[in-house]
Amino acid sequence: MATHRPLGSKLRYARALKSNKRVPAWVYARTNRKVRARPLRNWRRSRLQL
């Protein structure tokens, strides 16, 4: 990541990066698959609205 970027946008990018993970398997087991899998965002195909 570029060094000359505001801290707020860096934190937002880091949060989006961390949230781009799969739903854990134990959540599926505990909720009887009522929790849907969130669509994973590809870094090239779709851009964040930041």
PDB file of N, CA and C in Angstrom:
ATOM      1  N   MET A   1       0.845  -1.169   0.000  1.00  0.00           N
ATOM      2  CA  MET A   1       0.000   0.000   0.000  1.00  0.00           C
ATOM      3  C   MET A   1       0.891   1.233   0.000  1.00  0.00           C
ATOM      4  N   ALA A   2       0.399   2.264  -0.640  1.00  0.00           N
ATOM      5  CA  ALA A   2       1.196   3.483  -0.741  1.00  0.00           C
ATOM      6  C   ALA A   2       1.376   4.113   0.637  1.00  0.00           C
ATOM      7  N   THR A   3       2.523   4.717   0.836  1.00  0.00           N
ATOM      8  CA  THR A   3       2.770   5.330   2.135  1.00  0.00           C
ATOM      9  C   THR A   3       2.077   6.680   2.248  1.00  0.00           C
ATOM     10  N   HIS A   4       1.944   7.394   1.144  1.00  0.00           N
ATOM     11  CA  HIS A   4       1.308   8.716   1.177  1.00  0.00           C
ATOM     12  C   HIS A   4      -0.184   8.566   0.935  1.00  0.00           C
ATOM     13  N   ARG A   5      -0.862   8.079   1.936  1.00  0.00           N
ATOM     14  CA  ARG A   5      -2.304   7.877   1.875  1.00  0.00           C
ATOM     15  C   ARG A   5      -2.835   8.205   3.260  1.00  0.00           C
ATOM     16  N   PRO A   6      -3.992   8.844   3.352  1.00  0.00           N
ATOM     17  CA  PRO A   6      -4.521   9.193   4.667  1.00  0.00           C
ATOM     18  C   PRO A   6      -4.780   7.942   5.524  1.00  0.00           C
ATOM     19  N   LEU A   7      -4.630   8.110   6.816  1.00  0.00           N
ATOM     20  CA  LEU A   7      -4.782   6.986   7.732  1.00  0.00           C
ATOM     21  C   LEU A   7      -6.199   6.431   7.694  1.00  0.00           C
ATOM     22  N   GLY A   8      -7.201   7.295   7.556  1.00  0.00           N
ATOM     23  CA  GLY A   8      -8.581   6.812   7.539  1.00  0.00           C
ATOM     24  C   GLY A   8      -8.841   5.871   6.388  1.00  0.00           C
ATOM     25  N   SER A   9      -8.341   6.204   5.201  1.00  0.00           N
ATOM     26  CA  SER A   9      -8.570   5.322   4.055  1.00  0.00           C
ATOM     27  C   SER A   9      -7.782   4.038   4.198  1.00  0.00           C
ATOM     28  N   LYS A  10      -6.588   4.101   4.818  1.00  0.00           N
ATOM     29  CA  LYS A  10      -5.826   2.878   5.064  1.00  0.00           C
ATOM     30  C   LYS A  10      -6.594   1.937   5.981  1.00  0.00           C
ATOM     31  N   LEU A  11      -7.210   2.505   7.014  1.00  0.00           N
ATOM     32  CA  LEU A  11      -7.965   1.671   7.942  1.00  0.00           C
ATOM     33  C   LEU A  11      -9.186   1.069   7.262  1.00  0.00           C
ATOM     34  N   ARG A  12      -9.833   1.831   6.388  1.00  0.00           N
ATOM     35  CA  ARG A  12     -10.999   1.299   5.676  1.00  0.00           C
ATOM     36  C   ARG A  12     -10.598   0.188   4.716  1.00  0.00           C
ATOM     37  N   TYR A  13      -9.465   0.362   4.035  1.00  0.00           N
ATOM     38  CA  TYR A  13      -8.977  -0.694   3.153  1.00  0.00           C
ATOM     39  C   TYR A  13      -8.618  -1.944   3.946  1.00  0.00           C
ATOM     40  N   ALA A  14      -8.008  -1.764   5.114  1.00  0.00           N
ATOM     41  CA  ALA A  14      -7.627  -2.910   5.937  1.00  0.00           C
ATOM     42  C   ALA A  14      -8.863  -3.644   6.450  1.00  0.00           C
ATOM     43  N   ARG A  15      -9.899  -2.899   6.794  1.00  0.00           N
ATOM     44  CA  ARG A  15     -11.130  -3.540   7.252  1.00  0.00           C
ATOM     45  C   ARG A  15     -11.800  -4.321   6.132  1.00  0.00           C
ATOM     46  N   ALA A  16     -11.800  -3.756   4.930  1.00  0.00           N
ATOM     47  CA  ALA A  16     -12.373  -4.465   3.788  1.00  0.00           C
ATOM     48  C   ALA A  16     -11.557  -5.702   3.455  1.00  0.00           C
ATOM     49  N   LEU A  17     -10.258  -5.622   3.630  1.00  0.00           N
ATOM     50  CA  LEU A  17      -9.399  -6.768   3.357  1.00  0.00           C
ATOM     51  C   LEU A  17      -9.667  -7.888   4.353  1.00  0.00           C
ATOM     52  N   LYS A  18      -9.871  -7.526   5.619  1.00  0.00           N
ATOM     53  CA  LYS A  18     -10.121  -8.548   6.630  1.00  0.00           C
ATOM     54  C   LYS A  18     -11.503  -9.165   6.491  1.00  0.00           C
ATOM     55  N   SER A  19     -12.476  -8.384   6.001  1.00  0.00           N
ATOM     56  CA  SER A  19     -13.833  -8.912   5.887  1.00  0.00           C
ATOM     57  C   SER A  19     -14.027  -9.745   4.636  1.00  0.00           C
ATOM     58  N   ASN A  20     -13.019  -9.818   3.787  1.00  0.00           N
ATOM     59  CA  ASN A  20     -13.134 -10.569   2.541  1.00  0.00           C
ATOM     60  C   ASN A  20     -12.692 -12.018   2.752  1.00  0.00           C
ATOM     61  N   LYS A  21     -13.252 -12.654   3.757  1.00  0.00           N
ATOM     62  CA  LYS A  21     -12.919 -14.031   4.076  1.00  0.00           C
ATOM     63  C   LYS A  21     -14.202 -14.869   4.083  1.00  0.00           C
ATOM     64  N   ARG A  22     -14.037 -16.177   4.083  1.00  0.00           N
ATOM     65  CA  ARG A  22     -15.195 -17.063   4.090  1.00  0.00           C
ATOM     66  C   ARG A  22     -15.880 -17.066   5.456  1.00  0.00           C
ATOM     67  N   VAL A  23     -17.149 -17.455   5.461  1.00  0.00           N
ATOM     68  CA  VAL A  23     -17.853 -17.674   6.720  1.00  0.00           C
ATOM     69  C   VAL A  23     -17.318 -18.977   7.310  1.00  0.00           C
ATOM     70  N   PRO A  24     -16.979 -19.017   8.593  1.00  0.00           N
ATOM     71  CA  PRO A  24     -16.400 -20.241   9.164  1.00  0.00           C
ATOM     72  C   PRO A  24     -17.370 -21.422   9.112  1.00  0.00           C
ATOM     73  N   ALA A  25     -16.815 -22.610   9.071  1.00  0.00           N
ATOM     74  CA  ALA A  25     -17.633 -23.826   8.947  1.00  0.00           C
ATOM     75  C   ALA A  25     -18.478 -24.046  10.191  1.00  0.00           C
ATOM     76  N   TRP A  26     -17.983 -23.614  11.352  1.00  0.00           N
ATOM     77  CA  TRP A  26     -18.763 -23.849  12.566  1.00  0.00           C
ATOM     78  C   TRP A  26     -20.017 -22.980  12.599  1.00  0.00           C
ATOM     79  N   VAL A  27     -20.017 -21.877  11.882  1.00  0.00           N
ATOM     80  CA  VAL A  27     -21.223 -21.035  11.815  1.00  0.00           C
ATOM     81  C   VAL A  27     -22.299 -21.759  11.019  1.00  0.00           C
ATOM     82  N   TYR A  28     -21.901 -22.413   9.923  1.00  0.00           N
ATOM     83  CA  TYR A  28     -22.862 -23.212   9.162  1.00  0.00           C
ATOM     84  C   TYR A  28     -23.460 -24.311  10.028  1.00  0.00           C
ATOM     85  N   ALA A  29     -22.607 -24.997  10.780  1.00  0.00           N
ATOM     86  CA  ALA A  29     -23.090 -26.112  11.588  1.00  0.00           C
ATOM     87  C   ALA A  29     -24.001 -25.636  12.708  1.00  0.00           C
ATOM     88  N   ARG A  30     -23.691 -24.491  13.286  1.00  0.00           N
ATOM     89  CA  ARG A  30     -24.466 -24.018  14.430  1.00  0.00           C
ATOM     90  C   ARG A  30     -25.821 -23.456  14.017  1.00  0.00           C
ATOM     91  N   THR A  31     -25.906 -22.874  12.824  1.00  0.00           N
ATOM     92  CA  THR A  31     -27.149 -22.234  12.405  1.00  0.00           C
ATOM     93  C   THR A  31     -27.932 -23.056  11.398  1.00  0.00           C
ATOM     94  N   ASN A  32     -27.531 -24.310  11.160  1.00  0.00           N
ATOM     95  CA  ASN A  32     -28.201 -25.189  10.198  1.00  0.00           C
ATOM     96  C   ASN A  32     -28.297 -24.540   8.822  1.00  0.00           C
ATOM     97  N   ARG A  33     -27.184 -23.941   8.394  1.00  0.00           N
ATOM     98  CA  ARG A  33     -27.027 -23.313   7.069  1.00  0.00           C
ATOM     99  C   ARG A  33     -27.994 -22.168   6.812  1.00  0.00           C
ATOM    100  N   LYS A  34     -28.476 -21.507   7.857  1.00  0.00           N
ATOM    101  CA  LYS A  34     -29.322 -20.329   7.660  1.00  0.00           C
ATOM    102  C   LYS A  34     -28.488 -19.107   7.310  1.00  0.00           C
ATOM    103  N   VAL A  35     -27.225 -19.138   7.684  1.00  0.00           N
ATOM    104  CA  VAL A  35     -26.324 -18.046   7.337  1.00  0.00           C
ATOM    105  C   VAL A  35     -25.788 -18.318   5.952  1.00  0.00           C
ATOM    106  N   ARG A  36     -26.003 -17.368   5.048  1.00  0.00           N
ATOM    107  CA  ARG A  36     -25.535 -17.530   3.677  1.00  0.00           C
ATOM    108  C   ARG A  36     -24.059 -17.178   3.586  1.00  0.00           C
ATOM    109  N   ALA A  37     -23.400 -17.743   2.612  1.00  0.00           N
ATOM    110  CA  ALA A  37     -22.009 -17.400   2.360  1.00  0.00           C
ATOM    111  C   ALA A  37     -21.961 -16.011   1.750  1.00  0.00           C
ATOM    112  N   ARG A  38     -21.112 -15.164   2.283  1.00  0.00           N
ATOM    113  CA  ARG A  38     -20.996 -13.833   1.699  1.00  0.00           C
ATOM    114  C   ARG A  38     -20.203 -13.929   0.408  1.00  0.00           C
ATOM    115  N   PRO A  39     -20.562 -13.162  -0.592  1.00  0.00           N
ATOM    116  CA  PRO A  39     -19.811 -13.237  -1.847  1.00  0.00           C
ATOM    117  C   PRO A  39     -18.416 -12.656  -1.663  1.00  0.00           C
ATOM    118  N   LEU A  40     -17.426 -13.405  -2.073  1.00  0.00           N
ATOM    119  CA  LEU A  40     -16.056 -12.944  -1.947  1.00  0.00           C
ATOM    120  C   LEU A  40     -15.760 -11.939  -3.054  1.00  0.00           C
ATOM    121  N   ARG A  41     -15.127 -10.857  -2.683  1.00  0.00           N
ATOM    122  CA  ARG A  41     -14.815  -9.789  -3.620  1.00  0.00           C
ATOM    123  C   ARG A  41     -13.427 -10.017  -4.193  1.00  0.00           C
ATOM    124  N   ASN A  42     -13.335  -9.983  -5.507  1.00  0.00           N
ATOM    125  CA  ASN A  42     -12.038 -10.107  -6.149  1.00  0.00           C
ATOM    126  C   ASN A  42     -11.416  -8.729  -6.283  1.00  0.00           C
ATOM    127  N   TRP A  43     -10.136  -8.625  -6.015  1.00  0.00           N
ATOM    128  CA  TRP A  43      -9.484  -7.316  -5.982  1.00  0.00           C
ATOM    129  C   TRP A  43      -9.347  -6.715  -7.372  1.00  0.00           C
ATOM    130  N   ARG A  44      -9.364  -7.538  -8.415  1.00  0.00           N
ATOM    131  CA  ARG A  44      -9.257  -6.988  -9.757  1.00  0.00           C
ATOM    132  C   ARG A  44     -10.602  -6.684 -10.392  1.00  0.00           C
ATOM    133  N   ARG A  45     -11.581  -7.547 -10.144  1.00  0.00           N
ATOM    134  CA  ARG A  45     -12.872  -7.414 -10.833  1.00  0.00           C
ATOM    135  C   ARG A  45     -13.712  -6.279 -10.284  1.00  0.00           C
ATOM    136  N   SER A  46     -13.712  -6.095  -8.968  1.00  0.00           N
ATOM    137  CA  SER A  46     -14.603  -5.085  -8.393  1.00  0.00           C
ATOM    138  C   SER A  46     -13.805  -4.171  -7.489  1.00  0.00           C
ATOM    139  N   ARG A  47     -14.111  -2.907  -7.556  1.00  0.00           N
ATOM    140  CA  ARG A  47     -13.412  -1.897  -6.773  1.00  0.00           C
ATOM    141  C   ARG A  47     -14.247  -1.504  -5.570  1.00  0.00           C
ATOM    142  N   LEU A  48     -13.583  -1.115  -4.513  1.00  0.00           N
ATOM    143  CA  LEU A  48     -14.280  -0.621  -3.330  1.00  0.00           C
ATOM    144  C   LEU A  48     -14.736   0.815  -3.567  1.00  0.00           C
ATOM    145  N   GLN A  49     -15.821   1.162  -2.952  1.00  0.00           N
ATOM    146  CA  GLN A  49     -16.332   2.539  -3.071  1.00  0.00           C
ATOM    147  C   GLN A  49     -15.787   3.375  -1.918  1.00  0.00           C
ATOM    148  N   LEU A  50     -14.446   3.544  -1.878  1.00  0.00           N
ATOM    149  CA  LEU A  50     -13.811   4.316  -0.802  1.00  0.00           C
ATOM    150  C   LEU A  50     -13.238   5.601  -1.345  1.00  0.00           C
TER     151      LEU A  50
END
